[in-house]
Amino acid sequence: MLDNVMPSVFVGDEDECARPSQVWRTRLELERGQYYCVNASSGAGKTSFCSFIYGVRTDYQGRITFDGADIRPFRPSEWSRLRCSNLAYLPQELDLFDELSALDNVLLKNRLTDFRSEADIRCMFGMLGIDNRISAPAGRMSVGQKQRVAFIRALCQPFDFLILDEPVSHLDAYNNGLVGQLAVEAARELGAGIIFTSVGNVLELPSPYIPLTL
């Protein structure tokens, strides 16, 4: 739950404070099993929103809780447990290792969780049309191909929420739909929620989602 949360950088900015928002300066409960789309222009705080929830940034006012517990004072060990079991995250920067192959980037994560078989991972590469690039170094892939690799990596763990920061910004409509289908299938298996951001190219889900404005 977000309770009266506001990025610190916006505090004192009269224009930002006056703008209506369904996320900032309000009480927002995000529920497992629901899908949420945060669609806003650049600079409105989409990446900040994801970073706050995932705990990689704390430069906000207000309170964020997970199952009633305030996340701000969490110790590194608590965040490690939460990120391994409850929160899956696809950052906008993707954070792939360019020198490793596409497959090794995913297996590196999967070895920590032992969540999926290599056969399942290879199947997802095929479903997203990048099986022919599975052995290619990530540094030699297009941005759209990298987005799909990073997305597969995000699915290699259990989660209560799948957080996707502009996951299809470099994908065409066809591949956008494939990513949306896989995201919903994975979430349904776990009874989990999906939170995704967009600056225009919205993730196409085969199920209804709740739009949120920043």
C-alpha atoms as a PDB file:
ATOM      1  CA  MET A   1       0.000   0.000   0.000  1.00  0.00           C
ATOM      2  CA  LEU A   2       1.124   3.531  -0.786  1.00  0.00           C
ATOM      3  CA  ASP A   3      -0.010   6.029   1.831  1.00  0.00           C
ATOM      4  CA  ASN A   4       0.434   9.695   0.904  1.00  0.00           C
ATOM      5  CA  VAL A   5       3.624   8.913  -1.036  1.00  0.00           C
ATOM      6  CA  MET A   6       5.342  11.705  -2.968  1.00  0.00           C
ATOM      7  CA  PRO A   7       8.790  11.737  -4.609  1.00  0.00           C
ATOM      8  CA  SER A   8      11.018  14.074  -2.633  1.00  0.00           C
ATOM      9  CA  VAL A   9      12.036  15.858  -5.830  1.00  0.00           C
ATOM     10  CA  PHE A  10       8.405  16.963  -6.352  1.00  0.00           C
ATOM     11  CA  VAL A  11       7.907  18.328  -2.848  1.00  0.00           C
ATOM     12  CA  GLY A  12       7.598  22.094  -3.035  1.00  0.00           C
ATOM     13  CA  ASP A  13       6.873  22.049  -6.770  1.00  0.00           C
ATOM     14  CA  GLU A  14       3.474  23.728  -6.948  1.00  0.00           C
ATOM     15  CA  ASP A  15       2.702  22.454 -10.460  1.00  0.00           C
ATOM     16  CA  GLU A  16       3.462  18.836  -9.529  1.00  0.00           C
ATOM     17  CA  CYS A  17       1.578  19.047  -6.236  1.00  0.00           C
ATOM     18  CA  ALA A  18      -1.492  20.557  -7.900  1.00  0.00           C
ATOM     19  CA  ARG A  19      -1.703  17.934 -10.650  1.00  0.00           C
ATOM     20  CA  PRO A  20      -4.396  15.264 -10.012  1.00  0.00           C
ATOM     21  CA  SER A  21      -2.870  11.849  -9.375  1.00  0.00           C
ATOM     22  CA  GLN A  22      -4.197   8.391  -8.504  1.00  0.00           C
ATOM     23  CA  VAL A  23      -0.791   7.392  -7.100  1.00  0.00           C
ATOM     24  CA  TRP A  24       0.947  10.355  -5.455  1.00  0.00           C
ATOM     25  CA  ARG A  25      -0.436  12.021  -2.318  1.00  0.00           C
ATOM     26  CA  THR A  26      -3.218   9.476  -1.946  1.00  0.00           C
ATOM     27  CA  ARG A  27      -3.941   6.068  -0.438  1.00  0.00           C
ATOM     28  CA  LEU A  28      -3.434   3.341  -3.028  1.00  0.00           C
ATOM     29  CA  GLU A  29      -3.765  -0.358  -2.269  1.00  0.00           C
ATOM     30  CA  LEU A  30      -2.283  -2.708  -4.872  1.00  0.00           C
ATOM     31  CA  GLU A  31      -3.863  -6.156  -4.712  1.00  0.00           C
ATOM     32  CA  ARG A  32      -2.536  -9.533  -5.755  1.00  0.00           C
ATOM     33  CA  GLY A  33      -4.379 -10.880  -8.761  1.00  0.00           C
ATOM     34  CA  GLN A  34      -5.043  -7.414 -10.181  1.00  0.00           C
ATOM     35  CA  TYR A  35      -3.227  -5.753 -13.080  1.00  0.00           C
ATOM     36  CA  TYR A  36      -2.276  -2.072 -13.043  1.00  0.00           C
ATOM     37  CA  CYS A  37      -1.071   0.243 -15.804  1.00  0.00           C
ATOM     38  CA  VAL A  38       0.731   3.442 -14.829  1.00  0.00           C
ATOM     39  CA  ASN A  39       0.668   5.497 -18.019  1.00  0.00           C
ATOM     40  CA  ALA A  40       2.196   8.965 -17.879  1.00  0.00           C
ATOM     41  CA  SER A  41       4.528  11.316 -19.701  1.00  0.00           C
ATOM     42  CA  SER A  42       8.284  11.317 -19.191  1.00  0.00           C
ATOM     43  CA  GLY A  43       9.338  12.920 -15.924  1.00  0.00           C
ATOM     44  CA  ALA A  44       6.097  12.175 -14.081  1.00  0.00           C
ATOM     45  CA  GLY A  45       7.737   9.575 -11.850  1.00  0.00           C
ATOM     46  CA  LYS A  46       6.977   6.166 -13.414  1.00  0.00           C
ATOM     47  CA  THR A  47      10.445   4.753 -12.794  1.00  0.00           C
ATOM     48  CA  SER A  48      10.515   6.359  -9.347  1.00  0.00           C
ATOM     49  CA  PHE A  49       7.237   4.598  -8.547  1.00  0.00           C
ATOM     50  CA  CYS A  50       8.715   1.203  -9.496  1.00  0.00           C
ATOM     51  CA  SER A  51      11.977   1.918  -7.684  1.00  0.00           C
ATOM     52  CA  PHE A  52      10.171   2.884  -4.490  1.00  0.00           C
ATOM     53  CA  ILE A  53       8.104  -0.319  -4.457  1.00  0.00           C
ATOM     54  CA  TYR A  54      11.162  -2.470  -5.181  1.00  0.00           C
ATOM     55  CA  GLY A  55      13.163  -0.708  -2.498  1.00  0.00           C
ATOM     56  CA  VAL A  56      16.082   0.495  -4.589  1.00  0.00           C
ATOM     57  CA  ARG A  57      15.187   4.115  -3.797  1.00  0.00           C
ATOM     58  CA  THR A  58      13.846   5.717  -0.630  1.00  0.00           C
ATOM     59  CA  ASP A  59      13.796   9.384  -1.647  1.00  0.00           C
ATOM     60  CA  TYR A  60      10.079   9.790  -1.062  1.00  0.00           C
ATOM     61  CA  GLN A  61       7.750  11.186   1.552  1.00  0.00           C
ATOM     62  CA  GLY A  62       4.894   9.094   2.919  1.00  0.00           C
ATOM     63  CA  ARG A  63       4.712   5.393   3.687  1.00  0.00           C
ATOM     64  CA  ILE A  64       4.856   2.202   1.613  1.00  0.00           C
ATOM     65  CA  THR A  65       3.841  -1.078   3.231  1.00  0.00           C
ATOM     66  CA  PHE A  66       3.920  -4.710   2.152  1.00  0.00           C
ATOM     67  CA  ASP A  67       1.501  -6.940   4.055  1.00  0.00           C
ATOM     68  CA  GLY A  68       1.213  -4.175   6.644  1.00  0.00           C
ATOM     69  CA  ALA A  69       4.965  -3.772   7.203  1.00  0.00           C
ATOM     70  CA  ASP A  70       6.645  -0.455   6.402  1.00  0.00           C
ATOM     71  CA  ILE A  71       9.347  -1.244   3.829  1.00  0.00           C
ATOM     72  CA  ARG A  72      11.567   1.790   4.499  1.00  0.00           C
ATOM     73  CA  PRO A  73      13.450   0.300   7.502  1.00  0.00           C
ATOM     74  CA  PHE A  74      13.853  -3.172   5.944  1.00  0.00           C
ATOM     75  CA  ARG A  75      17.316  -4.687   6.396  1.00  0.00           C
ATOM     76  CA  PRO A  76      19.246  -6.042   3.369  1.00  0.00           C
ATOM     77  CA  SER A  77      18.346  -9.591   4.401  1.00  0.00           C
ATOM     78  CA  GLU A  78      14.638  -8.700   4.407  1.00  0.00           C
ATOM     79  CA  TRP A  79      14.895  -7.124   0.951  1.00  0.00           C
ATOM     80  CA  SER A  80      16.778 -10.147  -0.344  1.00  0.00           C
ATOM     81  CA  ARG A  81      13.992 -12.446   0.816  1.00  0.00           C
ATOM     82  CA  LEU A  82      11.273 -10.171  -0.564  1.00  0.00           C
ATOM     83  CA  ARG A  83      12.937  -9.824  -3.970  1.00  0.00           C
ATOM     84  CA  CYS A  84      13.568 -13.565  -4.273  1.00  0.00           C
ATOM     85  CA  SER A  85      10.067 -14.650  -3.317  1.00  0.00           C
ATOM     86  CA  ASN A  86       7.586 -11.788  -3.679  1.00  0.00           C
ATOM     87  CA  LEU A  87       8.715  -9.085  -6.111  1.00  0.00           C
ATOM     88  CA  ALA A  88       9.901  -9.702  -9.683  1.00  0.00           C
ATOM     89  CA  TYR A  89      11.243  -6.619 -11.447  1.00  0.00           C
ATOM     90  CA  LEU A  90      12.060  -5.675 -15.023  1.00  0.00           C
ATOM     91  CA  PRO A  91      13.873  -2.309 -14.843  1.00  0.00           C
ATOM     92  CA  GLN A  92      13.781   0.081 -17.754  1.00  0.00           C
ATOM     93  CA  GLU A  93      17.594  -0.141 -17.966  1.00  0.00           C
ATOM     94  CA  LEU A  94      17.291  -3.966 -18.370  1.00  0.00           C
ATOM     95  CA  ASP A  95      20.610  -4.579 -16.516  1.00  0.00           C
ATOM     96  CA  LEU A  96      21.849  -7.416 -18.729  1.00  0.00           C
ATOM     97  CA  PHE A  97      25.489  -8.510 -18.844  1.00  0.00           C
ATOM     98  CA  ASP A  98      26.571  -7.660 -22.373  1.00  0.00           C
ATOM     99  CA  GLU A  99      29.390 -10.209 -22.437  1.00  0.00           C
ATOM    100  CA  LEU A 100      27.110 -13.118 -21.483  1.00  0.00           C
ATOM    101  CA  SER A 101      24.817 -14.883 -23.923  1.00  0.00           C
ATOM    102  CA  ALA A 102      21.091 -14.236 -23.810  1.00  0.00           C
ATOM    103  CA  LEU A 103      20.530 -17.666 -22.268  1.00  0.00           C
ATOM    104  CA  ASP A 104      23.277 -17.265 -19.671  1.00  0.00           C
ATOM    105  CA  ASN A 105      21.804 -13.932 -18.562  1.00  0.00           C
ATOM    106  CA  VAL A 106      18.572 -15.751 -17.752  1.00  0.00           C
ATOM    107  CA  LEU A 107      20.195 -18.866 -16.271  1.00  0.00           C
ATOM    108  CA  LEU A 108      22.282 -16.689 -13.957  1.00  0.00           C
ATOM    109  CA  LYS A 109      19.051 -15.552 -12.292  1.00  0.00           C
ATOM    110  CA  ASN A 110      17.397 -18.964 -12.457  1.00  0.00           C
ATOM    111  CA  ARG A 111      20.305 -20.649 -10.652  1.00  0.00           C
ATOM    112  CA  LEU A 112      19.547 -18.437  -7.650  1.00  0.00           C
ATOM    113  CA  THR A 113      15.884 -19.419  -7.571  1.00  0.00           C
ATOM    114  CA  ASP A 114      15.788 -22.836  -9.253  1.00  0.00           C
ATOM    115  CA  PHE A 115      12.297 -21.818 -10.320  1.00  0.00           C
ATOM    116  CA  ARG A 116      12.168 -22.984 -13.949  1.00  0.00           C
ATOM    117  CA  SER A 117      13.729 -25.756 -15.970  1.00  0.00           C
ATOM    118  CA  GLU A 118      16.116 -24.886 -18.771  1.00  0.00           C
ATOM    119  CA  ALA A 119      13.638 -26.504 -21.164  1.00  0.00           C
ATOM    120  CA  ASP A 120      10.921 -24.084 -20.006  1.00  0.00           C
ATOM    121  CA  ILE A 121      13.284 -21.145 -20.423  1.00  0.00           C
ATOM    122  CA  ARG A 122      14.218 -22.218 -23.939  1.00  0.00           C
ATOM    123  CA  CYS A 123      10.512 -22.587 -24.703  1.00  0.00           C
ATOM    124  CA  MET A 124       9.912 -18.962 -23.665  1.00  0.00           C
ATOM    125  CA  PHE A 125      12.734 -17.845 -25.955  1.00  0.00           C
ATOM    126  CA  GLY A 126      10.920 -19.635 -28.773  1.00  0.00           C
ATOM    127  CA  MET A 127       7.534 -18.184 -27.867  1.00  0.00           C
ATOM    128  CA  LEU A 128       8.984 -14.660 -27.995  1.00  0.00           C
ATOM    129  CA  GLY A 129      10.751 -15.270 -31.297  1.00  0.00           C
ATOM    130  CA  ILE A 130      14.326 -14.961 -30.058  1.00  0.00           C
ATOM    131  CA  ASP A 131      15.363 -18.623 -29.924  1.00  0.00           C
ATOM    132  CA  ASN A 132      17.701 -17.929 -32.840  1.00  0.00           C
ATOM    133  CA  ARG A 133      19.550 -15.417 -30.632  1.00  0.00           C
ATOM    134  CA  ILE A 134      19.772 -17.584 -27.530  1.00  0.00           C
ATOM    135  CA  SER A 135      23.566 -18.007 -27.781  1.00  0.00           C
ATOM    136  CA  ALA A 136      24.293 -14.452 -28.912  1.00  0.00           C
ATOM    137  CA  PRO A 137      26.056 -12.074 -26.491  1.00  0.00           C
ATOM    138  CA  ALA A 138      23.485  -9.681 -25.072  1.00  0.00           C
ATOM    139  CA  GLY A 139      25.673  -6.772 -26.158  1.00  0.00           C
ATOM    140  CA  ARG A 140      25.089  -7.708 -29.792  1.00  0.00           C
ATOM    141  CA  MET A 141      21.307  -7.814 -29.559  1.00  0.00           C
ATOM    142  CA  SER A 142      18.814  -5.086 -30.450  1.00  0.00           C
ATOM    143  CA  VAL A 143      17.048  -3.231 -27.653  1.00  0.00           C
ATOM    144  CA  GLY A 144      13.800  -5.047 -28.443  1.00  0.00           C
ATOM    145  CA  GLN A 145      15.536  -8.414 -28.221  1.00  0.00           C
ATOM    146  CA  LYS A 146      17.167  -7.399 -24.945  1.00  0.00           C
ATOM    147  CA  GLN A 147      13.766  -6.402 -23.545  1.00  0.00           C
ATOM    148  CA  ARG A 148      12.448  -9.891 -24.231  1.00  0.00           C
ATOM    149  CA  VAL A 149      15.492 -11.524 -22.644  1.00  0.00           C
ATOM    150  CA  ALA A 150      15.152  -9.361 -19.520  1.00  0.00           C
ATOM    151  CA  PHE A 151      11.438 -10.148 -19.394  1.00  0.00           C
ATOM    152  CA  ILE A 152      12.108 -13.904 -19.456  1.00  0.00           C
ATOM    153  CA  ARG A 153      14.657 -13.401 -16.680  1.00  0.00           C
ATOM    154  CA  ALA A 154      12.015 -11.623 -14.563  1.00  0.00           C
ATOM    155  CA  LEU A 155       9.752 -14.674 -14.821  1.00  0.00           C
ATOM    156  CA  CYS A 156      12.437 -16.965 -13.384  1.00  0.00           C
ATOM    157  CA  GLN A 157      11.280 -16.603  -9.784  1.00  0.00           C
ATOM    158  CA  PRO A 158       8.116 -16.800  -7.674  1.00  0.00           C
ATOM    159  CA  PHE A 159       6.360 -13.479  -7.128  1.00  0.00           C
ATOM    160  CA  ASP A 160       3.302 -11.790  -5.675  1.00  0.00           C
ATOM    161  CA  PHE A 161       3.816  -8.802  -7.978  1.00  0.00           C
ATOM    162  CA  LEU A 162       5.506  -8.576 -11.354  1.00  0.00           C
ATOM    163  CA  ILE A 163       6.816  -5.007 -11.777  1.00  0.00           C
ATOM    164  CA  LEU A 164       7.539  -4.036 -15.389  1.00  0.00           C
ATOM    165  CA  ASP A 165       8.958  -0.587 -16.165  1.00  0.00           C
ATOM    166  CA  GLU A 166       8.135   0.234 -19.816  1.00  0.00           C
ATOM    167  CA  PRO A 167       8.574  -3.440 -20.818  1.00  0.00           C
ATOM    168  CA  VAL A 168       7.525  -3.110 -24.471  1.00  0.00           C
ATOM    169  CA  SER A 169       8.801   0.350 -25.419  1.00  0.00           C
ATOM    170  CA  HIS A 170      10.853  -1.140 -28.287  1.00  0.00           C
ATOM    171  CA  LEU A 171       8.484  -3.916 -29.373  1.00  0.00           C
ATOM    172  CA  ASP A 172       5.998  -4.059 -32.224  1.00  0.00           C
ATOM    173  CA  ALA A 173       2.330  -4.884 -31.649  1.00  0.00           C
ATOM    174  CA  TYR A 174       2.799  -8.613 -32.287  1.00  0.00           C
ATOM    175  CA  ASN A 175       5.631  -9.098 -29.792  1.00  0.00           C
ATOM    176  CA  ASN A 176       3.902  -6.754 -27.358  1.00  0.00           C
ATOM    177  CA  GLY A 177       0.946  -9.139 -27.315  1.00  0.00           C
ATOM    178  CA  LEU A 178       3.182 -12.165 -26.769  1.00  0.00           C
ATOM    179  CA  VAL A 179       4.861 -10.542 -23.775  1.00  0.00           C
ATOM    180  CA  GLY A 180       1.463  -9.601 -22.336  1.00  0.00           C
ATOM    181  CA  GLN A 181       0.175 -13.145 -22.767  1.00  0.00           C
ATOM    182  CA  LEU A 182       3.190 -14.669 -21.016  1.00  0.00           C
ATOM    183  CA  ALA A 183       2.975 -12.124 -18.189  1.00  0.00           C
ATOM    184  CA  VAL A 184      -0.662 -12.936 -17.481  1.00  0.00           C
ATOM    185  CA  GLU A 185      -0.086 -16.700 -17.702  1.00  0.00           C
ATOM    186  CA  ALA A 186       2.743 -16.466 -15.174  1.00  0.00           C
ATOM    187  CA  ALA A 187       0.717 -14.213 -12.862  1.00  0.00           C
ATOM    188  CA  ARG A 188      -2.317 -16.491 -12.983  1.00  0.00           C
ATOM    189  CA  GLU A 189      -0.232 -19.513 -12.034  1.00  0.00           C
ATOM    190  CA  LEU A 190       0.874 -17.703  -8.888  1.00  0.00           C
ATOM    191  CA  GLY A 191      -2.266 -15.698  -8.116  1.00  0.00           C
ATOM    192  CA  ALA A 192      -0.065 -12.635  -8.502  1.00  0.00           C
ATOM    193  CA  GLY A 193      -0.534  -9.054  -9.634  1.00  0.00           C
ATOM    194  CA  ILE A 194       1.134  -7.133 -12.463  1.00  0.00           C
ATOM    195  CA  ILE A 195       2.240  -3.504 -12.266  1.00  0.00           C
ATOM    196  CA  PHE A 196       3.519  -2.008 -15.497  1.00  0.00           C
ATOM    197  CA  THR A 197       4.361   1.467 -16.722  1.00  0.00           C
ATOM    198  CA  SER A 198       4.063   3.038 -20.141  1.00  0.00           C
ATOM    199  CA  VAL A 199       4.919   6.300 -21.842  1.00  0.00           C
ATOM    200  CA  GLY A 200       2.749   5.482 -24.852  1.00  0.00           C
ATOM    201  CA  ASN A 201       3.308   1.892 -26.006  1.00  0.00           C
ATOM    202  CA  VAL A 202       1.047   0.122 -23.507  1.00  0.00           C
ATOM    203  CA  LEU A 203       1.596  -3.549 -22.684  1.00  0.00           C
ATOM    204  CA  GLU A 204      -1.230  -5.498 -24.324  1.00  0.00           C
ATOM    205  CA  LEU A 205      -2.730  -7.869 -21.763  1.00  0.00           C
ATOM    206  CA  PRO A 206      -5.375 -10.480 -22.605  1.00  0.00           C
ATOM    207  CA  SER A 207      -7.186  -9.467 -19.408  1.00  0.00           C
ATOM    208  CA  PRO A 208      -8.565  -6.157 -18.124  1.00  0.00           C
ATOM    209  CA  TYR A 209      -6.226  -3.877 -16.172  1.00  0.00           C
ATOM    210  CA  ILE A 210      -6.709  -0.882 -13.899  1.00  0.00           C
ATOM    211  CA  PRO A 211      -5.315   2.387 -15.347  1.00  0.00           C
ATOM    212  CA  LEU A 212      -3.552   4.710 -12.914  1.00  0.00           C
ATOM    213  CA  THR A 213      -2.467   8.288 -13.583  1.00  0.00           C
ATOM    214  CA  LEU A 214       0.517   9.930 -11.960  1.00  0.00           C
END
